[in-house]
Amino acid sequence: MAYDDYRCLRVRLDRGVAFVTIDHPPINLLDLALMRELDAIGKELEVDDAVRVVVFDSADPDFFIAHADVALIERLPTDVPKPTTL
């Protein structure tokens, strides 16, 4: 499975490990674009039988996620998702 359609994330697979690098300059702002991509990559990796472990890191050595749009977070749905298994 290829993971090339992301603008804020870089994904690399290596022997069952998915390395997801957050690359959303300048400070890896947790905004709507990044939230959507994190949601999408989670759903994709969940159904990829080749993936056993997911490791998140940052392309910026000074920041993982430096700031979040708090107003946006307050508007997120509060429904509890159904549990899934790998």
PDB file of N, CA and C in Angstrom:
ATOM      1  N   MET A   1       0.852  -1.171   0.000  1.00  0.00           N
ATOM      2  CA  MET A   1       0.000   0.000   0.000  1.00  0.00           C
ATOM      3  C   MET A   1       0.903   1.241   0.000  1.00  0.00           C
ATOM      4  N   ALA A   2       0.590   2.186  -0.835  1.00  0.00           N
ATOM      5  CA  ALA A   2       1.375   3.428  -0.917  1.00  0.00           C
ATOM      6  C   ALA A   2       0.692   4.525  -0.100  1.00  0.00           C
ATOM      7  N   TYR A   3       1.490   5.325   0.520  1.00  0.00           N
ATOM      8  CA  TYR A   3       0.993   6.416   1.352  1.00  0.00           C
ATOM      9  C   TYR A   3       1.582   7.735   0.864  1.00  0.00           C
ATOM     10  N   ASP A   4       1.348   8.042  -0.408  1.00  0.00           N
ATOM     11  CA  ASP A   4       1.977   9.203  -1.036  1.00  0.00           C
ATOM     12  C   ASP A   4       1.076  10.430  -1.141  1.00  0.00           C
ATOM     13  N   ASP A   5      -0.184  10.320  -0.723  1.00  0.00           N
ATOM     14  CA  ASP A   5      -1.142  11.399  -0.950  1.00  0.00           C
ATOM     15  C   ASP A   5      -1.240  12.401   0.200  1.00  0.00           C
ATOM     16  N   TYR A   6      -0.288  12.396   1.079  1.00  0.00           N
ATOM     17  CA  TYR A   6      -0.347  13.278   2.243  1.00  0.00           C
ATOM     18  C   TYR A   6       0.541  14.500   2.039  1.00  0.00           C
ATOM     19  N   ARG A   7       0.058  15.646   2.537  1.00  0.00           N
ATOM     20  CA  ARG A   7       0.825  16.886   2.429  1.00  0.00           C
ATOM     21  C   ARG A   7       1.535  17.238   3.736  1.00  0.00           C
ATOM     22  N   CYS A   8       0.964  16.813   4.866  1.00  0.00           N
ATOM     23  CA  CYS A   8       1.520  17.146   6.183  1.00  0.00           C
ATOM     24  C   CYS A   8       2.280  15.980   6.811  1.00  0.00           C
ATOM     25  N   LEU A   9       2.195  14.821   6.193  1.00  0.00           N
ATOM     26  CA  LEU A   9       2.805  13.616   6.744  1.00  0.00           C
ATOM     27  C   LEU A   9       3.669  12.933   5.700  1.00  0.00           C
ATOM     28  N   ARG A  10       4.735  12.301   6.170  1.00  0.00           N
ATOM     29  CA  ARG A  10       5.527  11.409   5.323  1.00  0.00           C
ATOM     30  C   ARG A  10       5.463  10.032   5.968  1.00  0.00           C
ATOM     31  N   VAL A  11       5.197   9.020   5.160  1.00  0.00           N
ATOM     32  CA  VAL A  11       5.016   7.674   5.697  1.00  0.00           C
ATOM     33  C   VAL A  11       6.000   6.730   5.029  1.00  0.00           C
ATOM     34  N   ARG A  12       6.653   5.929   5.871  1.00  0.00           N
ATOM     35  CA  ARG A  12       7.604   4.932   5.382  1.00  0.00           C
ATOM     36  C   ARG A  12       7.329   3.636   6.117  1.00  0.00           C
ATOM     37  N   LEU A  13       7.281   2.531   5.360  1.00  0.00           N
ATOM     38  CA  LEU A  13       7.082   1.213   5.955  1.00  0.00           C
ATOM     39  C   LEU A  13       8.389   0.439   5.929  1.00  0.00           C
ATOM     40  N   ASP A  14       8.673  -0.236   7.037  1.00  0.00           N
ATOM     41  CA  ASP A  14       9.885  -1.049   7.123  1.00  0.00           C
ATOM     42  C   ASP A  14       9.609  -2.240   8.038  1.00  0.00           C
ATOM     43  N   ARG A  15       9.491  -3.415   7.463  1.00  0.00           N
ATOM     44  CA  ARG A  15       9.302  -4.671   8.196  1.00  0.00           C
ATOM     45  C   ARG A  15       8.191  -4.604   9.235  1.00  0.00           C
ATOM     46  N   GLY A  16       7.020  -4.149   8.806  1.00  0.00           N
ATOM     47  CA  GLY A  16       5.868  -4.113   9.692  1.00  0.00           C
ATOM     48  C   GLY A  16       5.731  -2.864  10.532  1.00  0.00           C
ATOM     49  N   VAL A  17       6.703  -1.964  10.434  1.00  0.00           N
ATOM     50  CA  VAL A  17       6.655  -0.717  11.193  1.00  0.00           C
ATOM     51  C   VAL A  17       6.337   0.427  10.238  1.00  0.00           C
ATOM     52  N   ALA A  18       5.292   1.185  10.558  1.00  0.00           N
ATOM     53  CA  ALA A  18       4.959   2.386   9.793  1.00  0.00           C
ATOM     54  C   ALA A  18       5.544   3.579  10.539  1.00  0.00           C
ATOM     55  N   PHE A  19       6.469   4.259   9.905  1.00  0.00           N
ATOM     56  CA  PHE A  19       7.054   5.475  10.462  1.00  0.00           C
ATOM     57  C   PHE A  19       6.303   6.655   9.850  1.00  0.00           C
ATOM     58  N   VAL A  20       5.589   7.406  10.680  1.00  0.00           N
ATOM     59  CA  VAL A  20       4.803   8.547  10.223  1.00  0.00           C
ATOM     60  C   VAL A  20       5.494   9.808  10.737  1.00  0.00           C
ATOM     61  N   THR A  21       6.032  10.581   9.810  1.00  0.00           N
ATOM     62  CA  THR A  21       6.744  11.807  10.165  1.00  0.00           C
ATOM     63  C   THR A  21       5.835  13.000   9.935  1.00  0.00           C
ATOM     64  N   ILE A  22       5.607  13.767  10.991  1.00  0.00           N
ATOM     65  CA  ILE A  22       4.814  14.991  10.872  1.00  0.00           C
ATOM     66  C   ILE A  22       5.718  16.049  10.267  1.00  0.00           C
ATOM     67  N   ASP A  23       5.306  16.548   9.108  1.00  0.00           N
ATOM     68  CA  ASP A  23       6.113  17.508   8.350  1.00  0.00           C
ATOM     69  C   ASP A  23       5.195  18.624   7.868  1.00  0.00           C
ATOM     70  N   HIS A  24       4.823  19.501   8.795  1.00  0.00           N
ATOM     71  CA  HIS A  24       3.843  20.560   8.536  1.00  0.00           C
ATOM     72  C   HIS A  24       4.435  21.896   8.994  1.00  0.00           C
ATOM     73  N   PRO A  25       5.414  22.405   8.195  1.00  0.00           N
ATOM     74  CA  PRO A  25       6.119  23.627   8.578  1.00  0.00           C
ATOM     75  C   PRO A  25       5.184  24.831   8.710  1.00  0.00           C
ATOM     76  N   PRO A  26       5.586  25.818   9.502  1.00  0.00           N
ATOM     77  CA  PRO A  26       6.912  25.926  10.101  1.00  0.00           C
ATOM     78  C   PRO A  26       7.019  25.267  11.482  1.00  0.00           C
ATOM     79  N   ILE A  27       5.889  25.014  12.175  1.00  0.00           N
ATOM     80  CA  ILE A  27       5.999  24.505  13.555  1.00  0.00           C
ATOM     81  C   ILE A  27       5.123  23.280  13.810  1.00  0.00           C
ATOM     82  N   ASN A  28       4.709  22.584  12.773  1.00  0.00           N
ATOM     83  CA  ASN A  28       3.822  21.431  12.950  1.00  0.00           C
ATOM     84  C   ASN A  28       2.556  21.817  13.713  1.00  0.00           C
ATOM     85  N   LEU A  29       1.904  22.866  13.239  1.00  0.00           N
ATOM     86  CA  LEU A  29       0.659  23.333  13.848  1.00  0.00           C
ATOM     87  C   LEU A  29      -0.415  22.258  13.708  1.00  0.00           C
ATOM     88  N   LEU A  30      -1.061  21.920  14.812  1.00  0.00           N
ATOM     89  CA  LEU A  30      -2.169  20.974  14.787  1.00  0.00           C
ATOM     90  C   LEU A  30      -3.419  21.734  14.366  1.00  0.00           C
ATOM     91  N   ASP A  31      -3.569  21.882  13.047  1.00  0.00           N
ATOM     92  CA  ASP A  31      -4.706  22.590  12.473  1.00  0.00           C
ATOM     93  C   ASP A  31      -5.603  21.583  11.766  1.00  0.00           C
ATOM     94  N   LEU A  32      -6.614  22.069  11.064  1.00  0.00           N
ATOM     95  CA  LEU A  32      -7.570  21.182  10.409  1.00  0.00           C
ATOM     96  C   LEU A  32      -6.891  20.274   9.387  1.00  0.00           C
ATOM     97  N   ALA A  33      -5.955  20.793   8.630  1.00  0.00           N
ATOM     98  CA  ALA A  33      -5.270  19.979   7.615  1.00  0.00           C
ATOM     99  C   ALA A  33      -4.535  18.807   8.255  1.00  0.00           C
ATOM    100  N   LEU A  34      -3.789  19.075   9.318  1.00  0.00           N
ATOM    101  CA  LEU A  34      -3.045  18.006   9.985  1.00  0.00           C
ATOM    102  C   LEU A  34      -3.994  17.038  10.684  1.00  0.00           C
ATOM    103  N   MET A  35      -5.038  17.546  11.319  1.00  0.00           N
ATOM    104  CA  MET A  35      -6.011  16.663  11.973  1.00  0.00           C
ATOM    105  C   MET A  35      -6.645  15.706  10.970  1.00  0.00           C
ATOM    106  N   ARG A  36      -7.023  16.231   9.817  1.00  0.00           N
ATOM    107  CA  ARG A  36      -7.632  15.373   8.783  1.00  0.00           C
ATOM    108  C   ARG A  36      -6.661  14.288   8.332  1.00  0.00           C
ATOM    109  N   GLU A  37      -5.417  14.668   8.141  1.00  0.00           N
ATOM    110  CA  GLU A  37      -4.438  13.681   7.684  1.00  0.00           C
ATOM    111  C   GLU A  37      -4.128  12.653   8.771  1.00  0.00           C
ATOM    112  N   LEU A  38      -4.061  13.066  10.026  1.00  0.00           N
ATOM    113  CA  LEU A  38      -3.839  12.107  11.106  1.00  0.00           C
ATOM    114  C   LEU A  38      -5.000  11.122  11.199  1.00  0.00           C
ATOM    115  N   ASP A  39      -6.207  11.623  11.034  1.00  0.00           N
ATOM    116  CA  ASP A  39      -7.382  10.746  11.033  1.00  0.00           C
ATOM    117  C   ASP A  39      -7.319   9.773   9.858  1.00  0.00           C
ATOM    118  N   ALA A  40      -6.999  10.280   8.684  1.00  0.00           N
ATOM    119  CA  ALA A  40      -6.945   9.437   7.480  1.00  0.00           C
ATOM    120  C   ALA A  40      -5.844   8.386   7.576  1.00  0.00           C
ATOM    121  N   ILE A  41      -4.660   8.770   8.044  1.00  0.00           N
ATOM    122  CA  ILE A  41      -3.568   7.794   8.114  1.00  0.00           C
ATOM    123  C   ILE A  41      -3.884   6.727   9.151  1.00  0.00           C
ATOM    124  N   GLY A  42      -4.519   7.110  10.235  1.00  0.00           N
ATOM    125  CA  GLY A  42      -4.917   6.117  11.230  1.00  0.00           C
ATOM    126  C   GLY A  42      -5.859   5.085  10.651  1.00  0.00           C
ATOM    127  N   LYS A  43      -6.826   5.539   9.879  1.00  0.00           N
ATOM    128  CA  LYS A  43      -7.783   4.614   9.253  1.00  0.00           C
ATOM    129  C   LYS A  43      -7.102   3.726   8.219  1.00  0.00           C
ATOM    130  N   GLU A  44      -6.187   4.294   7.449  1.00  0.00           N
ATOM    131  CA  GLU A  44      -5.475   3.497   6.439  1.00  0.00           C
ATOM    132  C   GLU A  44      -4.565   2.455   7.077  1.00  0.00           C
ATOM    133  N   LEU A  45      -3.820   2.866   8.080  1.00  0.00           N
ATOM    134  CA  LEU A  45      -2.889   1.937   8.719  1.00  0.00           C
ATOM    135  C   LEU A  45      -3.626   0.827   9.459  1.00  0.00           C
ATOM    136  N   GLU A  46      -4.792   1.145   9.975  1.00  0.00           N
ATOM    137  CA  GLU A  46      -5.575   0.154  10.713  1.00  0.00           C
ATOM    138  C   GLU A  46      -5.953  -1.048   9.851  1.00  0.00           C
ATOM    139  N   VAL A  47      -6.191  -0.826   8.563  1.00  0.00           N
ATOM    140  CA  VAL A  47      -6.625  -1.920   7.682  1.00  0.00           C
ATOM    141  C   VAL A  47      -5.488  -2.500   6.845  1.00  0.00           C
ATOM    142  N   ASP A  48      -4.279  -1.996   7.031  1.00  0.00           N
ATOM    143  CA  ASP A  48      -3.126  -2.504   6.291  1.00  0.00           C
ATOM    144  C   ASP A  48      -2.532  -3.685   7.064  1.00  0.00           C
ATOM    145  N   ASP A  49      -2.712  -4.885   6.539  1.00  0.00           N
ATOM    146  CA  ASP A  49      -2.233  -6.091   7.220  1.00  0.00           C
ATOM    147  C   ASP A  49      -0.717  -6.134   7.370  1.00  0.00           C
ATOM    148  N   ALA A  50      -0.004  -5.341   6.595  1.00  0.00           N
ATOM    149  CA  ALA A  50       1.461  -5.329   6.671  1.00  0.00           C
ATOM    150  C   ALA A  50       1.972  -4.511   7.856  1.00  0.00           C
ATOM    151  N   VAL A  51       1.102  -3.710   8.466  1.00  0.00           N
ATOM    152  CA  VAL A  51       1.517  -2.810   9.547  1.00  0.00           C
ATOM    153  C   VAL A  51       1.224  -3.445  10.901  1.00  0.00           C
ATOM    154  N   ARG A  52       2.244  -3.508  11.740  1.00  0.00           N
ATOM    155  CA  ARG A  52       2.116  -4.045  13.095  1.00  0.00           C
ATOM    156  C   ARG A  52       2.329  -2.971  14.161  1.00  0.00           C
ATOM    157  N   VAL A  53       3.129  -1.963  13.841  1.00  0.00           N
ATOM    158  CA  VAL A  53       3.482  -0.910  14.794  1.00  0.00           C
ATOM    159  C   VAL A  53       3.499   0.416  14.046  1.00  0.00           C
ATOM    160  N   VAL A  54       3.075   1.475  14.720  1.00  0.00           N
ATOM    161  CA  VAL A  54       3.138   2.817  14.143  1.00  0.00           C
ATOM    162  C   VAL A  54       3.992   3.687  15.061  1.00  0.00           C
ATOM    163  N   VAL A  55       4.972   4.361  14.469  1.00  0.00           N
ATOM    164  CA  VAL A  55       5.856   5.265  15.207  1.00  0.00           C
ATOM    165  C   VAL A  55       5.690   6.658  14.612  1.00  0.00           C
ATOM    166  N   PHE A  56       5.342   7.627  15.453  1.00  0.00           N
ATOM    167  CA  PHE A  56       5.224   9.015  15.011  1.00  0.00           C
ATOM    168  C   PHE A  56       6.483   9.769  15.417  1.00  0.00           C
ATOM    169  N   ASP A  57       6.965  10.603  14.489  1.00  0.00           N
ATOM    170  CA  ASP A  57       8.066  11.497  14.814  1.00  0.00           C
ATOM    171  C   ASP A  57       7.857  12.804  14.067  1.00  0.00           C
ATOM    172  N   SER A  58       8.795  13.718  14.233  1.00  0.00           N
ATOM    173  CA  SER A  58       8.673  15.045  13.644  1.00  0.00           C
ATOM    174  C   SER A  58       9.825  15.321  12.695  1.00  0.00           C
ATOM    175  N   ALA A  59       9.521  15.979  11.594  1.00  0.00           N
ATOM    176  CA  ALA A  59      10.564  16.409  10.666  1.00  0.00           C
ATOM    177  C   ALA A  59      11.344  17.588  11.242  1.00  0.00           C
ATOM    178  N   ASP A  60      10.759  18.278  12.207  1.00  0.00           N
ATOM    179  CA  ASP A  60      11.400  19.432  12.840  1.00  0.00           C
ATOM    180  C   ASP A  60      12.053  18.981  14.146  1.00  0.00           C
ATOM    181  N   PRO A  61      13.371  19.098  14.264  1.00  0.00           N
ATOM    182  CA  PRO A  61      14.039  18.625  15.480  1.00  0.00           C
ATOM    183  C   PRO A  61      13.687  19.436  16.730  1.00  0.00           C
ATOM    184  N   ASP A  62      13.112  20.632  16.553  1.00  0.00           N
ATOM    185  CA  ASP A  62      12.776  21.480  17.697  1.00  0.00           C
ATOM    186  C   ASP A  62      11.336  21.322  18.180  1.00  0.00           C
ATOM    187  N   PHE A  63      10.470  20.750  17.333  1.00  0.00           N
ATOM    188  CA  PHE A  63       9.052  20.651  17.681  1.00  0.00           C
ATOM    189  C   PHE A  63       8.506  19.289  17.277  1.00  0.00           C
ATOM    190  N   PHE A  64       7.645  18.728  18.113  1.00  0.00           N
ATOM    191  CA  PHE A  64       6.835  17.588  17.681  1.00  0.00           C
ATOM    192  C   PHE A  64       5.562  18.193  17.098  1.00  0.00           C
ATOM    193  N   ILE A  65       4.702  18.705  17.941  1.00  0.00           N
ATOM    194  CA  ILE A  65       3.583  19.558  17.533  1.00  0.00           C
ATOM    195  C   ILE A  65       3.676  20.763  18.455  1.00  0.00           C
ATOM    196  N   ALA A  66       3.928  21.912  17.874  1.00  0.00           N
ATOM    197  CA  ALA A  66       4.248  23.080  18.684  1.00  0.00           C
ATOM    198  C   ALA A  66       3.022  23.807  19.213  1.00  0.00           C
ATOM    199  N   HIS A  67       1.910  23.696  18.533  1.00  0.00           N
ATOM    200  CA  HIS A  67       0.744  24.475  18.914  1.00  0.00           C
ATOM    201  C   HIS A  67      -0.484  23.813  18.314  1.00  0.00           C
ATOM    202  N   ALA A  68      -1.617  24.047  18.928  1.00  0.00           N
ATOM    203  CA  ALA A  68      -2.875  23.518  18.407  1.00  0.00           C
ATOM    204  C   ALA A  68      -3.893  24.636  18.310  1.00  0.00           C
ATOM    205  N   ASP A  69      -4.771  24.518  17.349  1.00  0.00           N
ATOM    206  CA  ASP A  69      -5.879  25.450  17.200  1.00  0.00           C
ATOM    207  C   ASP A  69      -6.950  25.030  18.214  1.00  0.00           C
ATOM    208  N   VAL A  70      -6.940  25.642  19.387  1.00  0.00           N
ATOM    209  CA  VAL A  70      -7.821  25.235  20.480  1.00  0.00           C
ATOM    210  C   VAL A  70      -9.288  25.406  20.101  1.00  0.00           C
ATOM    211  N   ALA A  71      -9.631  26.457  19.398  1.00  0.00           N
ATOM    212  CA  ALA A  71     -11.018  26.653  18.977  1.00  0.00           C
ATOM    213  C   ALA A  71     -11.475  25.498  18.088  1.00  0.00           C
ATOM    214  N   LEU A  72     -10.593  25.021  17.250  1.00  0.00           N
ATOM    215  CA  LEU A  72     -10.909  23.887  16.387  1.00  0.00           C
ATOM    216  C   LEU A  72     -11.097  22.616  17.219  1.00  0.00           C
ATOM    217  N   ILE A  73     -10.240  22.398  18.176  1.00  0.00           N
ATOM    218  CA  ILE A  73     -10.348  21.216  19.036  1.00  0.00           C
ATOM    219  C   ILE A  73     -11.668  21.226  19.802  1.00  0.00           C
ATOM    220  N   GLU A  74     -12.100  22.391  20.248  1.00  0.00           N
ATOM    221  CA  GLU A  74     -13.367  22.488  20.981  1.00  0.00           C
ATOM    222  C   GLU A  74     -14.559  22.087  20.126  1.00  0.00           C
ATOM    223  N   ARG A  75     -14.427  22.177  18.814  1.00  0.00           N
ATOM    224  CA  ARG A  75     -15.533  21.829  17.911  1.00  0.00           C
ATOM    225  C   ARG A  75     -15.498  20.369  17.453  1.00  0.00           C
ATOM    226  N   LEU A  76     -14.506  19.607  17.891  1.00  0.00           N
ATOM    227  CA  LEU A  76     -14.414  18.204  17.482  1.00  0.00           C
ATOM    228  C   LEU A  76     -15.572  17.406  18.060  1.00  0.00           C
ATOM    229  N   PRO A  77     -16.005  16.349  17.357  1.00  0.00           N
ATOM    230  CA  PRO A  77     -17.080  15.507  17.891  1.00  0.00           C
ATOM    231  C   PRO A  77     -16.642  14.835  19.192  1.00  0.00           C
ATOM    232  N   THR A  78     -17.592  14.625  20.063  1.00  0.00           N
ATOM    233  CA  THR A  78     -17.289  14.003  21.350  1.00  0.00           C
ATOM    234  C   THR A  78     -17.771  12.562  21.422  1.00  0.00           C
ATOM    235  N   ASP A  79     -18.278  12.023  20.319  1.00  0.00           N
ATOM    236  CA  ASP A  79     -18.714  10.627  20.300  1.00  0.00           C
ATOM    237  C   ASP A  79     -17.516   9.721  20.547  1.00  0.00           C
ATOM    238  N   VAL A  80     -17.746   8.670  21.277  1.00  0.00           N
ATOM    239  CA  VAL A  80     -16.689   7.696  21.532  1.00  0.00           C
ATOM    240  C   VAL A  80     -16.678   6.700  20.376  1.00  0.00           C
ATOM    241  N   PRO A  81     -15.535   6.542  19.692  1.00  0.00           N
ATOM    242  CA  PRO A  81     -15.494   5.597  18.569  1.00  0.00           C
ATOM    243  C   PRO A  81     -15.612   4.161  19.057  1.00  0.00           C
ATOM    244  N   LYS A  82     -16.140   3.308  18.184  1.00  0.00           N
ATOM    245  CA  LYS A  82     -16.249   1.891  18.506  1.00  0.00           C
ATOM    246  C   LYS A  82     -14.853   1.284  18.554  1.00  0.00           C
ATOM    247  N   PRO A  83     -14.616   0.394  19.513  1.00  0.00           N
ATOM    248  CA  PRO A  83     -13.298  -0.248  19.581  1.00  0.00           C
ATOM    249  C   PRO A  83     -13.040  -1.122  18.361  1.00  0.00           C
ATOM    250  N   THR A  84     -11.793  -1.180  17.964  1.00  0.00           N
ATOM    251  CA  THR A  84     -11.395  -2.037  16.849  1.00  0.00           C
ATOM    252  C   THR A  84     -10.251  -2.923  17.301  1.00  0.00           C
ATOM    253  N   THR A  85     -10.005  -3.942  16.529  1.00  0.00           N
ATOM    254  CA  THR A  85      -8.879  -4.822  16.815  1.00  0.00           C
ATOM    255  C   THR A  85      -7.985  -4.883  15.603  1.00  0.00           C
ATOM    256  N   LEU A  86      -6.749  -5.187  15.827  1.00  0.00           N
ATOM    257  CA  LEU A  86      -5.803  -5.334  14.723  1.00  0.00           C
ATOM    258  C   LEU A  86      -5.737  -6.763  14.290  1.00  0.00           C
TER     259      LEU A  86
END
